[in-house]
C-alpha atoms as a PDB file:
ATOM      1  CA  ARG A   1      28.422 -82.961  24.065  1.00  0.00           C
ATOM      2  CA  VAL A   2      28.629 -80.951  27.295  1.00  0.00           C
ATOM      3  CA  LEU A   3      24.908 -81.054  28.149  1.00  0.00           C
ATOM      4  CA  GLY A   4      24.795 -84.789  27.495  1.00  0.00           C
ATOM      5  CA  SER A   5      27.667 -85.568  29.846  1.00  0.00           C
ATOM      6  CA  PRO A   6      27.147 -87.665  32.999  1.00  0.00           C
ATOM      7  CA  ALA A   7      27.489 -84.672  35.331  1.00  0.00           C
ATOM      8  CA  SER A   8      24.972 -82.416  33.601  1.00  0.00           C
ATOM      9  CA  LEU A   9      21.914 -84.700  33.516  1.00  0.00           C
ATOM     10  CA  PRO A  10      20.990 -84.373  37.241  1.00  0.00           C
ATOM     11  CA  VAL A  11      21.225 -80.576  36.910  1.00  0.00           C
ATOM     12  CA  ALA A  12      18.814 -80.625  33.969  1.00  0.00           C
ATOM     13  CA  ALA A  13      16.457 -82.886  35.947  1.00  0.00           C
ATOM     14  CA  ARG A  14      16.468 -80.472  38.886  1.00  0.00           C
ATOM     15  CA  ALA A  15      15.717 -77.510  36.631  1.00  0.00           C
ATOM     16  CA  VAL A  16      12.671 -79.259  35.170  1.00  0.00           C
ATOM     17  CA  MET A  17      11.445 -80.220  38.651  1.00  0.00           C
ATOM     18  CA  ALA A  18      11.728 -76.656  39.992  1.00  0.00           C
ATOM     19  CA  ARG A  19       9.621 -75.305  37.151  1.00  0.00           C
ATOM     20  CA  ILE A  20       6.927 -77.954  37.616  1.00  0.00           C
ATOM     21  CA  MET A  21       6.542 -77.091  41.307  1.00  0.00           C
ATOM     22  CA  ALA A  22       6.450 -73.332  40.725  1.00  0.00           C
ATOM     23  CA  CYS A  23       3.785 -73.656  38.026  1.00  0.00           C
ATOM     24  CA  ALA A  24       1.671 -76.077  40.092  1.00  0.00           C
ATOM     25  CA  LEU A  25       1.539 -73.776  43.133  1.00  0.00           C
ATOM     26  CA  MET A  26       0.908 -70.602  41.136  1.00  0.00           C
ATOM     27  CA  LEU A  27      -1.911 -72.156  39.141  1.00  0.00           C
ATOM     28  CA  LEU A  28      -3.688 -74.003  41.949  1.00  0.00           C
ATOM     29  CA  LEU A  29      -3.847 -71.488  44.834  1.00  0.00           C
ATOM     30  CA  PRO A  30      -5.708 -68.626  43.074  1.00  0.00           C
ATOM     31  CA  LEU A  31      -8.451 -71.022  41.956  1.00  0.00           C
ATOM     32  CA  LEU A  32      -9.491 -71.757  45.538  1.00  0.00           C
ATOM     33  CA  ALA A  33     -11.872 -69.631  47.580  1.00  0.00           C
ATOM     34  CA  VAL A  34     -13.276 -69.891  51.095  1.00  0.00           C
ATOM     35  CA  LYS A  35     -15.953 -68.072  53.065  1.00  0.00           C
ATOM     36  CA  GLY A  36     -14.819 -65.698  55.784  1.00  0.00           C
ATOM     37  CA  HIS A  37     -16.005 -66.011  59.390  1.00  0.00           C
ATOM     38  CA  LEU A  38     -14.589 -62.947  61.122  1.00  0.00           C
ATOM     39  CA  VAL A  39     -17.545 -60.577  61.092  1.00  0.00           C
ATOM     40  CA  VAL A  40     -17.462 -56.907  62.123  1.00  0.00           C
ATOM     41  CA  THR A  41     -20.594 -56.529  64.241  1.00  0.00           C
ATOM     42  CA  ARG A  42     -20.268 -52.913  65.432  1.00  0.00           C
ATOM     43  CA  ILE A  43     -18.094 -49.835  65.020  1.00  0.00           C
ATOM     44  CA  GLY A  44     -18.407 -46.993  67.521  1.00  0.00           C
ATOM     45  CA  ASN A  45     -16.616 -43.697  68.231  1.00  0.00           C
ATOM     46  CA  SER A  46     -15.435 -43.456  64.649  1.00  0.00           C
ATOM     47  CA  SER A  47     -15.496 -40.932  61.838  1.00  0.00           C
ATOM     48  CA  ALA A  48     -17.468 -41.761  58.710  1.00  0.00           C
ATOM     49  CA  ASP A  49     -14.364 -42.212  56.584  1.00  0.00           C
ATOM     50  CA  CYS A  50     -12.992 -44.748  59.058  1.00  0.00           C
ATOM     51  CA  GLU A  51     -15.949 -47.102  58.955  1.00  0.00           C
ATOM     52  CA  LEU A  52     -15.700 -47.813  55.225  1.00  0.00           C
ATOM     53  CA  GLY A  53     -18.988 -49.700  55.408  1.00  0.00           C
ATOM     54  CA  ALA A  54     -17.264 -52.526  57.263  1.00  0.00           C
ATOM     55  CA  VAL A  55     -20.129 -53.454  59.580  1.00  0.00           C
ATOM     56  CA  GLY A  56     -21.479 -56.858  58.537  1.00  0.00           C
ATOM     57  CA  LYS A  57     -18.514 -57.693  56.345  1.00  0.00           C
ATOM     58  CA  SER A  58     -16.765 -61.013  56.886  1.00  0.00           C
ATOM     59  CA  PHE A  59     -13.098 -61.916  56.600  1.00  0.00           C
ATOM     60  CA  ALA A  60     -11.175 -65.183  56.545  1.00  0.00           C
ATOM     61  CA  SER A  61     -10.189 -66.506  59.977  1.00  0.00           C
ATOM     62  CA  PRO A  62      -8.668 -70.001  59.705  1.00  0.00           C
ATOM     63  CA  PRO A  63      -7.713 -71.465  63.120  1.00  0.00           C
ATOM     64  CA  PHE A  64      -4.235 -72.574  64.101  1.00  0.00           C
ATOM     65  CA  LEU A  65      -3.349 -76.193  64.746  1.00  0.00           C
ATOM     66  CA  PHE A  66      -3.339 -75.789  68.540  1.00  0.00           C
ATOM     67  CA  SER A  67      -6.670 -73.945  68.621  1.00  0.00           C
ATOM     68  CA  PRO A  68      -9.970 -75.749  69.302  1.00  0.00           C
ATOM     69  CA  GLU A  69     -11.558 -77.000  66.088  1.00  0.00           C
ATOM     70  CA  SER A  70     -14.719 -75.066  66.851  1.00  0.00           C
ATOM     71  CA  PHE A  71     -15.087 -71.767  68.702  1.00  0.00           C
ATOM     72  CA  ASP A  72     -17.325 -68.732  68.704  1.00  0.00           C
ATOM     73  CA  PHE A  73     -16.096 -65.635  70.513  1.00  0.00           C
ATOM     74  CA  GLU A  74     -17.033 -61.966  70.324  1.00  0.00           C
ATOM     75  CA  GLY A  75     -15.507 -58.868  71.826  1.00  0.00           C
ATOM     76  CA  PRO A  76     -13.922 -55.486  71.216  1.00  0.00           C
ATOM     77  CA  LEU A  77     -10.882 -55.525  68.985  1.00  0.00           C
ATOM     78  CA  VAL A  78      -7.559 -54.550  70.576  1.00  0.00           C
ATOM     79  CA  VAL A  79      -4.567 -54.175  68.271  1.00  0.00           C
ATOM     80  CA  THR A  80      -1.187 -54.874  69.881  1.00  0.00           C
ATOM     81  CA  ASP A  81       2.299 -54.459  68.454  1.00  0.00           C
ATOM     82  CA  ALA A  82       4.899 -57.201  68.861  1.00  0.00           C
ATOM     83  CA  ALA A  83       7.744 -54.756  69.477  1.00  0.00           C
ATOM     84  CA  LYS A  84       5.966 -52.290  71.781  1.00  0.00           C
ATOM     85  CA  ASP A  85       3.277 -54.170  73.702  1.00  0.00           C
ATOM     86  CA  TRP A  86       4.888 -57.529  74.472  1.00  0.00           C
ATOM     87  CA  SER A  87       7.975 -58.289  76.546  1.00  0.00           C
ATOM     88  CA  TYR A  88      10.039 -61.437  76.203  1.00  0.00           C
ATOM     89  CA  ALA A  89      12.303 -60.835  79.187  1.00  0.00           C
ATOM     90  CA  GLN A  90      10.062 -59.896  82.135  1.00  0.00           C
ATOM     91  CA  ARG A  91       8.938 -63.376  83.077  1.00  0.00           C
ATOM     92  CA  ALA A  92      10.655 -65.552  85.629  1.00  0.00           C
ATOM     93  CA  GLY A  93      12.082 -68.911  84.704  1.00  0.00           C
ATOM     94  CA  PRO A  94      14.526 -70.275  82.162  1.00  0.00           C
ATOM     95  CA  ARG A  95      14.718 -68.995  78.625  1.00  0.00           C
ATOM     96  CA  ASN A  96      13.468 -71.172  75.803  1.00  0.00           C
ATOM     97  CA  TRP A  97      15.552 -72.617  72.967  1.00  0.00           C
ATOM     98  CA  SER A  98      15.452 -69.330  71.015  1.00  0.00           C
ATOM     99  CA  GLY A  99      16.453 -67.029  73.877  1.00  0.00           C
ATOM    100  CA  GLY A 100      13.104 -65.627  75.023  1.00  0.00           C
ATOM    101  CA  ARG A 101      10.853 -66.242  78.024  1.00  0.00           C
ATOM    102  CA  CYS A 102       7.485 -67.485  76.875  1.00  0.00           C
ATOM    103  CA  PRO A 103       4.585 -66.817  76.891  1.00  0.00           C
ATOM    104  CA  PRO A 104       5.450 -63.110  76.527  1.00  0.00           C
ATOM    105  CA  ALA A 105       4.189 -60.590  79.060  1.00  0.00           C
ATOM    106  CA  PHE A 106       1.835 -57.817  77.981  1.00  0.00           C
ATOM    107  CA  VAL A 107       3.303 -54.380  78.775  1.00  0.00           C
ATOM    108  CA  GLY A 108       0.943 -52.189  76.747  1.00  0.00           C
ATOM    109  CA  ASN A 109      -1.554 -49.639  78.050  1.00  0.00           C
ATOM    110  CA  ALA A 110      -4.751 -51.353  76.890  1.00  0.00           C
ATOM    111  CA  THR A 111      -6.917 -53.688  78.945  1.00  0.00           C
ATOM    112  CA  LEU A 112      -7.149 -57.148  77.429  1.00  0.00           C
ATOM    113  CA  GLN A 113      -9.863 -58.584  79.679  1.00  0.00           C
ATOM    114  CA  GLY A 114     -12.775 -59.745  77.497  1.00  0.00           C
ATOM    115  CA  THR A 115     -11.218 -58.495  74.274  1.00  0.00           C
ATOM    116  CA  VAL A 116     -10.183 -60.012  70.952  1.00  0.00           C
ATOM    117  CA  VAL A 117      -6.443 -59.390  70.694  1.00  0.00           C
ATOM    118  CA  VAL A 118      -4.770 -58.822  67.343  1.00  0.00           C
ATOM    119  CA  HIS A 119      -1.024 -59.442  67.310  1.00  0.00           C
ATOM    120  CA  VAL A 120       0.684 -57.319  64.647  1.00  0.00           C
ATOM    121  CA  GLY A 121       4.288 -57.949  63.690  1.00  0.00           C
ATOM    122  CA  GLY A 122       6.705 -60.822  63.994  1.00  0.00           C
ATOM    123  CA  LEU A 123       6.832 -63.584  66.564  1.00  0.00           C
ATOM    124  CA  LYS A 124      10.176 -62.594  68.121  1.00  0.00           C
ATOM    125  CA  TRP A 125      11.390 -65.437  70.367  1.00  0.00           C
ATOM    126  CA  CYS A 126       8.106 -67.231  71.101  1.00  0.00           C
ATOM    127  CA  SER A 127       5.831 -69.444  69.042  1.00  0.00           C
ATOM    128  CA  ILE A 128       2.346 -68.603  67.825  1.00  0.00           C
ATOM    129  CA  GLU A 129       0.884 -70.790  70.548  1.00  0.00           C
ATOM    130  CA  ASP A 130       2.923 -68.927  73.191  1.00  0.00           C
ATOM    131  CA  HIS A 131       1.568 -65.583  72.028  1.00  0.00           C
ATOM    132  CA  ALA A 132      -2.029 -66.806  72.052  1.00  0.00           C
ATOM    133  CA  ARG A 133      -1.515 -68.275  75.521  1.00  0.00           C
ATOM    134  CA  GLY A 134      -0.010 -64.995  76.731  1.00  0.00           C
ATOM    135  CA  ALA A 135      -3.075 -63.057  75.578  1.00  0.00           C
ATOM    136  CA  ALA A 136      -5.394 -65.593  77.229  1.00  0.00           C
ATOM    137  CA  GLU A 137      -3.511 -65.194  80.521  1.00  0.00           C
ATOM    138  CA  HIS A 138      -4.440 -61.503  80.427  1.00  0.00           C
ATOM    139  CA  GLY A 139      -8.139 -62.288  79.945  1.00  0.00           C
ATOM    140  CA  ALA A 140      -8.506 -62.155  76.157  1.00  0.00           C
ATOM    141  CA  VAL A 141     -11.376 -64.229  74.774  1.00  0.00           C
ATOM    142  CA  GLY A 142      -9.541 -64.837  71.499  1.00  0.00           C
ATOM    143  CA  TRP A 143      -6.275 -64.132  69.686  1.00  0.00           C
ATOM    144  CA  LEU A 144      -5.692 -63.182  66.057  1.00  0.00           C
ATOM    145  CA  MET A 145      -2.405 -62.932  64.175  1.00  0.00           C
ATOM    146  CA  PHE A 146      -1.786 -60.275  61.541  1.00  0.00           C
ATOM    147  CA  ASP A 147       1.711 -60.494  60.076  1.00  0.00           C
ATOM    148  CA  ASP A 148       2.159 -57.150  58.316  1.00  0.00           C
ATOM    149  CA  GLN A 149       5.688 -58.088  57.272  1.00  0.00           C
ATOM    150  CA  VAL A 150       4.407 -60.317  54.440  1.00  0.00           C
ATOM    151  CA  LEU A 151       1.733 -57.971  53.055  1.00  0.00           C
ATOM    152  CA  PRO A 152       3.791 -57.056  49.950  1.00  0.00           C
ATOM    153  CA  TRP A 153       3.341 -60.674  48.794  1.00  0.00           C
ATOM    154  CA  ASN A 154      -0.477 -60.510  49.096  1.00  0.00           C
ATOM    155  CA  PRO A 155      -0.702 -63.337  51.665  1.00  0.00           C
ATOM    156  CA  GLN A 156      -3.683 -65.606  52.164  1.00  0.00           C
ATOM    157  CA  PRO A 157      -4.624 -66.377  55.816  1.00  0.00           C
ATOM    158  CA  GLY A 158      -3.793 -69.848  57.033  1.00  0.00           C
ATOM    159  CA  TYR A 159      -0.312 -70.479  55.679  1.00  0.00           C
ATOM    160  CA  ASP A 160       1.078 -70.664  59.241  1.00  0.00           C
ATOM    161  CA  GLN A 161      -1.843 -72.560  60.745  1.00  0.00           C
ATOM    162  CA  ASN A 162       0.266 -75.738  61.120  1.00  0.00           C
ATOM    163  CA  TYR A 163       3.179 -73.787  62.614  1.00  0.00           C
ATOM    164  CA  TRP A 164       4.655 -75.205  65.811  1.00  0.00           C
ATOM    165  CA  ARG A 165       7.941 -75.141  67.681  1.00  0.00           C
ATOM    166  CA  PRO A 166       9.615 -77.595  70.050  1.00  0.00           C
ATOM    167  CA  GLY A 167       8.089 -77.202  73.504  1.00  0.00           C
ATOM    168  CA  ASP A 168       4.593 -76.322  72.278  1.00  0.00           C
ATOM    169  CA  ALA A 169       1.754 -78.275  73.876  1.00  0.00           C
ATOM    170  CA  ARG A 170      -0.124 -78.020  70.550  1.00  0.00           C
ATOM    171  CA  VAL A 171      -3.276 -77.420  72.578  1.00  0.00           C
ATOM    172  CA  GLY A 172      -4.208 -73.838  73.375  1.00  0.00           C
ATOM    173  CA  PRO A 173      -6.810 -71.057  73.426  1.00  0.00           C
ATOM    174  CA  PRO A 174      -8.948 -70.009  70.434  1.00  0.00           C
ATOM    175  CA  ALA A 175      -6.713 -68.392  67.824  1.00  0.00           C
ATOM    176  CA  ALA A 176      -6.922 -67.632  64.120  1.00  0.00           C
ATOM    177  CA  ASP A 177      -4.884 -66.097  61.329  1.00  0.00           C
ATOM    178  CA  ILE A 178      -6.197 -62.932  59.633  1.00  0.00           C
ATOM    179  CA  THR A 179      -3.069 -61.985  57.667  1.00  0.00           C
ATOM    180  CA  ALA A 180      -4.545 -60.446  54.519  1.00  0.00           C
ATOM    181  CA  ARG A 181      -4.522 -57.079  52.821  1.00  0.00           C
ATOM    182  CA  ASN A 182      -8.281 -56.627  53.229  1.00  0.00           C
ATOM    183  CA  MET A 183      -7.803 -56.423  57.025  1.00  0.00           C
ATOM    184  CA  THR A 184      -5.522 -53.365  56.938  1.00  0.00           C
ATOM    185  CA  ALA A 185      -8.367 -50.823  56.822  1.00  0.00           C
ATOM    186  CA  ILE A 186     -10.170 -52.432  59.785  1.00  0.00           C
ATOM    187  CA  LEU A 187      -7.016 -52.509  61.903  1.00  0.00           C
ATOM    188  CA  ALA A 188      -6.130 -48.934  60.949  1.00  0.00           C
ATOM    189  CA  CYS A 189      -9.630 -47.921  62.028  1.00  0.00           C
ATOM    190  CA  ALA A 190      -9.148 -49.669  65.377  1.00  0.00           C
ATOM    191  CA  ARG A 191      -5.794 -47.992  65.901  1.00  0.00           C
ATOM    192  CA  SER A 192      -7.312 -44.579  65.231  1.00  0.00           C
ATOM    193  CA  GLY A 193      -9.518 -44.985  68.290  1.00  0.00           C
ATOM    194  CA  ALA A 194     -12.648 -46.619  66.894  1.00  0.00           C
ATOM    195  CA  ARG A 195     -14.360 -49.181  69.104  1.00  0.00           C
ATOM    196  CA  ILE A 196     -14.736 -52.185  66.810  1.00  0.00           C
ATOM    197  CA  THR A 197     -16.517 -55.337  67.917  1.00  0.00           C
ATOM    198  CA  VAL A 198     -15.972 -58.556  66.017  1.00  0.00           C
ATOM    199  CA  ARG A 199     -17.374 -62.059  66.183  1.00  0.00           C
ATOM    200  CA  VAL A 200     -15.045 -64.851  65.132  1.00  0.00           C
ATOM    201  CA  THR A 201     -15.731 -68.454  64.175  1.00  0.00           C
ATOM    202  CA  PRO A 202     -13.281 -70.761  62.377  1.00  0.00           C
ATOM    203  CA  SER A 203     -13.132 -70.852  58.589  1.00  0.00           C
ATOM    204  CA  ARG A 204     -11.234 -73.067  56.173  1.00  0.00           C
ATOM    205  CA  SER A 205      -8.230 -71.476  54.520  1.00  0.00           C
ATOM    206  CA  VAL A 206      -7.218 -71.626  50.882  1.00  0.00           C
ATOM    207  CA  TRP A 207      -4.112 -73.450  52.090  1.00  0.00           C
ATOM    208  CA  VAL A 208      -6.166 -76.321  53.522  1.00  0.00           C
ATOM    209  CA  GLU A 209      -8.148 -76.432  50.297  1.00  0.00           C
ATOM    210  CA  MET A 210      -4.880 -76.664  48.399  1.00  0.00           C
ATOM    211  CA  TRP A 211      -3.290 -79.216  50.748  1.00  0.00           C
ATOM    212  CA  GLU A 212      -6.331 -81.477  50.414  1.00  0.00           C
ATOM    213  CA  HIS A 213      -6.610 -81.091  46.655  1.00  0.00           C
ATOM    214  CA  TRP A 214      -5.599 -84.132  44.608  1.00  0.00           C
ATOM    215  CA  ALA A 215      -3.572 -81.968  42.218  1.00  0.00           C
ATOM    216  CA  TYR A 216      -1.344 -80.761  45.071  1.00  0.00           C
ATOM    217  CA  TRP A 217      -0.486 -84.264  46.269  1.00  0.00           C
ATOM    218  CA  PHE A 218      -0.058 -85.482  42.715  1.00  0.00           C
ATOM    219  CA  ALA A 219       2.406 -82.641  42.051  1.00  0.00           C
ATOM    220  CA  THR A 220       4.363 -83.119  45.285  1.00  0.00           C
ATOM    221  CA  SER A 221       4.493 -86.900  44.815  1.00  0.00           C
ATOM    222  CA  LEU A 222       5.622 -86.492  41.224  1.00  0.00           C
ATOM    223  CA  LEU A 223       8.293 -84.014  42.273  1.00  0.00           C
ATOM    224  CA  GLY A 224       9.400 -86.267  45.119  1.00  0.00           C
ATOM    225  CA  VAL A 225       9.895 -89.193  42.763  1.00  0.00           C
ATOM    226  CA  HIS A 226      11.609 -86.799  40.373  1.00  0.00           C
ATOM    227  CA  ALA A 227      14.019 -85.757  43.147  1.00  0.00           C
ATOM    228  CA  LEU A 228      14.801 -89.366  44.026  1.00  0.00           C
ATOM    229  CA  ALA A 229      15.416 -90.141  40.352  1.00  0.00           C
ATOM    230  CA  ALA A 230      17.792 -87.181  40.049  1.00  0.00           C
ATOM    231  CA  ALA A 231      19.633 -88.258  43.223  1.00  0.00           C
ATOM    232  CA  GLU A 232      19.890 -91.816  41.944  1.00  0.00           C
ATOM    233  CA  LEU A 233      21.156 -90.548  38.613  1.00  0.00           C
ATOM    234  CA  ALA A 234      23.803 -88.409  40.303  1.00  0.00           C
ATOM    235  CA  CYS A 235      25.004 -91.249  42.558  1.00  0.00           C
ATOM    236  CA  SER A 236      25.107 -93.779  39.724  1.00  0.00           C
ATOM    237  CA  ARG A 237      27.317 -91.529  37.590  1.00  0.00           C
ATOM    238  CA  LEU A 238      29.937 -90.766  40.198  1.00  0.00           C
ATOM    239  CA  HIS A 239      31.860 -93.880  39.156  1.00  0.00           C
ATOM    240  CA  ALA A 240      32.463 -92.379  35.700  1.00  0.00           C
ATOM    241  CA  PHE A 241      35.054 -90.030  37.152  1.00  0.00           C
ATOM    242  CA  LEU A 242      37.255 -92.535  38.971  1.00  0.00           C
ATOM    243  CA  ARG A 243      40.779 -93.094  37.743  1.00  0.00           C
ATOM    244  CA  GLU A 244      41.604 -96.163  35.683  1.00  0.00           C
ATOM    245  CA  ASP A 245      43.487 -97.700  38.596  1.00  0.00           C
ATOM    246  CA  GLY A 246      40.417 -97.315  40.810  1.00  0.00           C
ATOM    247  CA  GLY A 247      41.848 -94.435  42.818  1.00  0.00           C
ATOM    248  CA  PHE A 248      39.864 -91.390  43.774  1.00  0.00           C
ATOM    249  CA  LYS A 249      40.571 -87.930  42.429  1.00  0.00           C
ATOM    250  CA  LEU A 250      38.357 -85.011  43.403  1.00  0.00           C
ATOM    251  CA  THR A 251      37.106 -83.104  40.379  1.00  0.00           C
ATOM    252  CA  ILE A 252      34.502 -80.423  39.697  1.00  0.00           C
ATOM    253  CA  ALA A 253      32.321 -83.081  38.093  1.00  0.00           C
ATOM    254  CA  GLN A 254      32.405 -85.236  41.226  1.00  0.00           C
ATOM    255  CA  ALA A 255      31.628 -82.253  43.453  1.00  0.00           C
ATOM    256  CA  LEU A 256      28.734 -81.375  41.138  1.00  0.00           C
ATOM    257  CA  LEU A 257      27.264 -84.875  41.244  1.00  0.00           C
ATOM    258  CA  ALA A 258      27.718 -85.198  45.025  1.00  0.00           C
ATOM    259  CA  SER A 259      25.995 -81.879  45.696  1.00  0.00           C
ATOM    260  CA  GLU A 260      23.176 -82.804  43.306  1.00  0.00           C
ATOM    261  CA  ALA A 261      22.659 -86.056  45.190  1.00  0.00           C
ATOM    262  CA  VAL A 262      22.452 -84.251  48.542  1.00  0.00           C
ATOM    263  CA  VAL A 263      20.177 -81.513  47.151  1.00  0.00           C
ATOM    264  CA  ASN A 264      17.686 -83.968  45.722  1.00  0.00           C
ATOM    265  CA  ILE A 265      17.666 -86.246  48.765  1.00  0.00           C
ATOM    266  CA  ALA A 266      16.874 -83.231  50.962  1.00  0.00           C
ATOM    267  CA  ARG A 267      14.195 -82.134  48.514  1.00  0.00           C
ATOM    268  CA  ALA A 268      12.634 -85.600  48.485  1.00  0.00           C
ATOM    269  CA  VAL A 269      12.482 -85.647  52.306  1.00  0.00           C
ATOM    270  CA  PHE A 270      10.825 -82.228  52.275  1.00  0.00           C
ATOM    271  CA  LEU A 271       8.259 -83.250  49.654  1.00  0.00           C
ATOM    272  CA  PHE A 272       7.355 -86.666  51.050  1.00  0.00           C
ATOM    273  CA  VAL A 273       7.364 -85.912  54.794  1.00  0.00           C
ATOM    274  CA  ASP A 274       5.738 -82.492  55.234  1.00  0.00           C
ATOM    275  CA  PRO A 275       5.646 -80.326  52.099  1.00  0.00           C
ATOM    276  CA  PHE A 276       5.103 -76.671  53.057  1.00  0.00           C
ATOM    277  CA  LEU A 277       3.767 -77.667  56.509  1.00  0.00           C
ATOM    278  CA  ALA A 278       0.817 -79.496  54.954  1.00  0.00           C
ATOM    279  CA  ARG A 279       0.867 -82.309  57.546  1.00  0.00           C
ATOM    280  CA  SER A 280       2.278 -80.502  60.623  1.00  0.00           C
ATOM    281  CA  ILE A 281       4.725 -83.376  61.186  1.00  0.00           C
ATOM    282  CA  ILE A 282       7.938 -81.408  61.606  1.00  0.00           C
ATOM    283  CA  PRO A 283       8.472 -78.081  63.411  1.00  0.00           C
ATOM    284  CA  PHE A 284       8.424 -74.865  61.445  1.00  0.00           C
ATOM    285  CA  ALA A 285      12.124 -74.119  62.004  1.00  0.00           C
ATOM    286  CA  ILE A 286      13.205 -77.521  60.700  1.00  0.00           C
ATOM    287  CA  SER A 287      10.912 -77.233  57.681  1.00  0.00           C
ATOM    288  CA  VAL A 288      12.263 -73.803  56.780  1.00  0.00           C
ATOM    289  CA  GLY A 289      15.823 -74.965  57.456  1.00  0.00           C
ATOM    290  CA  LEU A 290      15.409 -77.983  55.205  1.00  0.00           C
ATOM    291  CA  PHE A 291      13.888 -75.885  52.445  1.00  0.00           C
ATOM    292  CA  GLY A 292      16.593 -73.231  52.763  1.00  0.00           C
ATOM    293  CA  PHE A 293      19.303 -75.889  52.793  1.00  0.00           C
ATOM    294  CA  PHE A 294      18.465 -77.479  49.477  1.00  0.00           C
ATOM    295  CA  VAL A 295      17.729 -74.106  47.852  1.00  0.00           C
ATOM    296  CA  ALA A 296      21.090 -72.709  48.966  1.00  0.00           C
ATOM    297  CA  LEU A 297      22.981 -75.863  48.017  1.00  0.00           C
ATOM    298  CA  SER A 298      21.304 -75.898  44.606  1.00  0.00           C
ATOM    299  CA  ILE A 299      22.793 -72.439  43.997  1.00  0.00           C
ATOM    300  CA  VAL A 300      26.231 -73.830  44.803  1.00  0.00           C
ATOM    301  CA  THR A 301      25.513 -76.692  42.427  1.00  0.00           C
ATOM    302  CA  SER A 302      24.630 -74.215  39.703  1.00  0.00           C
ATOM    303  CA  GLY A 303      27.990 -72.525  40.225  1.00  0.00           C
ATOM    304  CA  LEU A 304      29.775 -75.854  40.010  1.00  0.00           C
ATOM    305  CA  PHE A 305      27.914 -76.660  36.824  1.00  0.00           C
ATOM    306  CA  TYR A 306      28.988 -73.314  35.349  1.00  0.00           C
ATOM    307  CA  VAL A 307      32.630 -74.061  36.100  1.00  0.00           C
ATOM    308  CA  TYR A 308      32.258 -77.617  34.775  1.00  0.00           C
ATOM    309  CA  PHE A 309      30.570 -76.358  31.621  1.00  0.00           C
ATOM    310  CA  LEU A 310      33.420 -73.961  30.855  1.00  0.00           C
ATOM    311  CA  GLN A 311      36.020 -76.643  31.489  1.00  0.00           C
ATOM    312  CA  ALA A 312      34.204 -79.120  29.225  1.00  0.00           C
ATOM    313  CA  ALA A 313      33.726 -76.497  26.530  1.00  0.00           C
ATOM    314  CA  GLU A 314      37.389 -75.555  26.656  1.00  0.00           C
ATOM    315  CA  SER A 315      38.518 -79.175  26.423  1.00  0.00           C
ATOM    316  CA  ALA A 316      36.222 -79.622  23.428  1.00  0.00           C
ATOM    317  CA  GLY A 317      37.938 -76.766  21.630  1.00  0.00           C
ATOM    318  CA  ILE A 318      35.162 -74.213  22.183  1.00  0.00           C
ATOM    319  CA  ALA A 319      36.420 -70.746  23.113  1.00  0.00           C
ATOM    320  CA  ALA A 320      35.672 -69.989  26.774  1.00  0.00           C
ATOM    321  CA  LEU A 321      36.317 -66.920  28.890  1.00  0.00           C
ATOM    322  CA  SER A 322      38.889 -67.526  31.596  1.00  0.00           C
ATOM    323  CA  LEU A 323      41.415 -65.605  33.644  1.00  0.00           C
ATOM    324  CA  PRO A 324      44.786 -67.298  33.043  1.00  0.00           C
ATOM    325  CA  SER A 325      46.486 -65.617  35.985  1.00  0.00           C
ATOM    326  CA  SER A 326      45.014 -68.065  38.460  1.00  0.00           C
ATOM    327  CA  ARG A 327      43.519 -71.543  38.202  1.00  0.00           C
ATOM    328  CA  LEU A 328      40.948 -70.500  40.818  1.00  0.00           C
ATOM    329  CA  PHE A 329      39.303 -68.104  38.364  1.00  0.00           C
ATOM    330  CA  ARG A 330      39.267 -70.356  35.297  1.00  0.00           C
ATOM    331  CA  GLY A 331      35.517 -70.867  35.640  1.00  0.00           C
ATOM    332  CA  GLY A 332      34.728 -67.161  35.784  1.00  0.00           C
ATOM    333  CA  PHE A 333      35.001 -64.499  38.474  1.00  0.00           C
ATOM    334  CA  PHE A 334      31.498 -64.739  39.965  1.00  0.00           C
ATOM    335  CA  ALA A 335      31.504 -68.534  39.962  1.00  0.00           C
ATOM    336  CA  ALA A 336      34.827 -68.531  41.819  1.00  0.00           C
ATOM    337  CA  LEU A 337      33.565 -65.851  44.215  1.00  0.00           C
ATOM    338  CA  MET A 338      30.443 -67.902  45.032  1.00  0.00           C
ATOM    339  CA  LEU A 339      32.529 -71.037  45.608  1.00  0.00           C
ATOM    340  CA  MET A 340      34.868 -69.179  47.970  1.00  0.00           C
ATOM    341  CA  ILE A 341      31.949 -67.708  49.959  1.00  0.00           C
ATOM    342  CA  CYS A 342      30.217 -71.079  50.264  1.00  0.00           C
END
């Protein structure tokens, strides 16, 4: 009786949709493989245990959206740290929308002229394009990003290749993403003092292979239609909770349906416009904000559904746990706590 009520159907639809998307992404990405194009051409001034037989090995190096489609650069590898080697406050001029002055200024001890710069760490206040442009201003022949903060998740290079922020020209110097666990030994070798020379040409990433795969667009389109159907279902059932005289009375069921409608509309926009930055239509911050919005609001919706479920079960004569001292806690302590926080 409770699960078949008008307010619970959109929640069930959202649960099914979330599982379809998770399964589609987990099954599709590992099946794809690309050939690497960052090649270690020489290692000098290094101990035998540092080389690890890396000379001649190739690694994935998918280019960023702003980078030229084709490039071929070679030079000694210089590893820089986002927190120690780059300054976001030493340039003249106004600050950007996030509080930093971009491109950042290099304040490290190394010489970047004619080198291939590896940027390790986060992006701080500037975009990826700003960092690549900053390295080019100091004479670097190419720029590579290695985000060590996501290594625990075994990242595949290229996820951020469509990343852009407001103010970016979306045209810049040669740059590629090398964020992968198999690059850690090479970078550690370079940091230990070894003189490593690399040659870099663009390669396709597993993300591009996935974005262009028919199964990915079939899944996102199916989920987008699913989200619109759930939103339509939620909106169409709001009328079931109006009073007989046509007046409006706010109830948990109405709040549940309204939040479900908003969640699924936001999810449909995300899936149809630029799912996971596949089309580079919207900036990275807006994409992440939109994704975080409907994920966070869906948690609130789950809390509302929990409260609604207990109320419906209690009205149906099913024993339900409640705290009679306060009406606020009738749906359970943690559900009430989540509602108060949100």
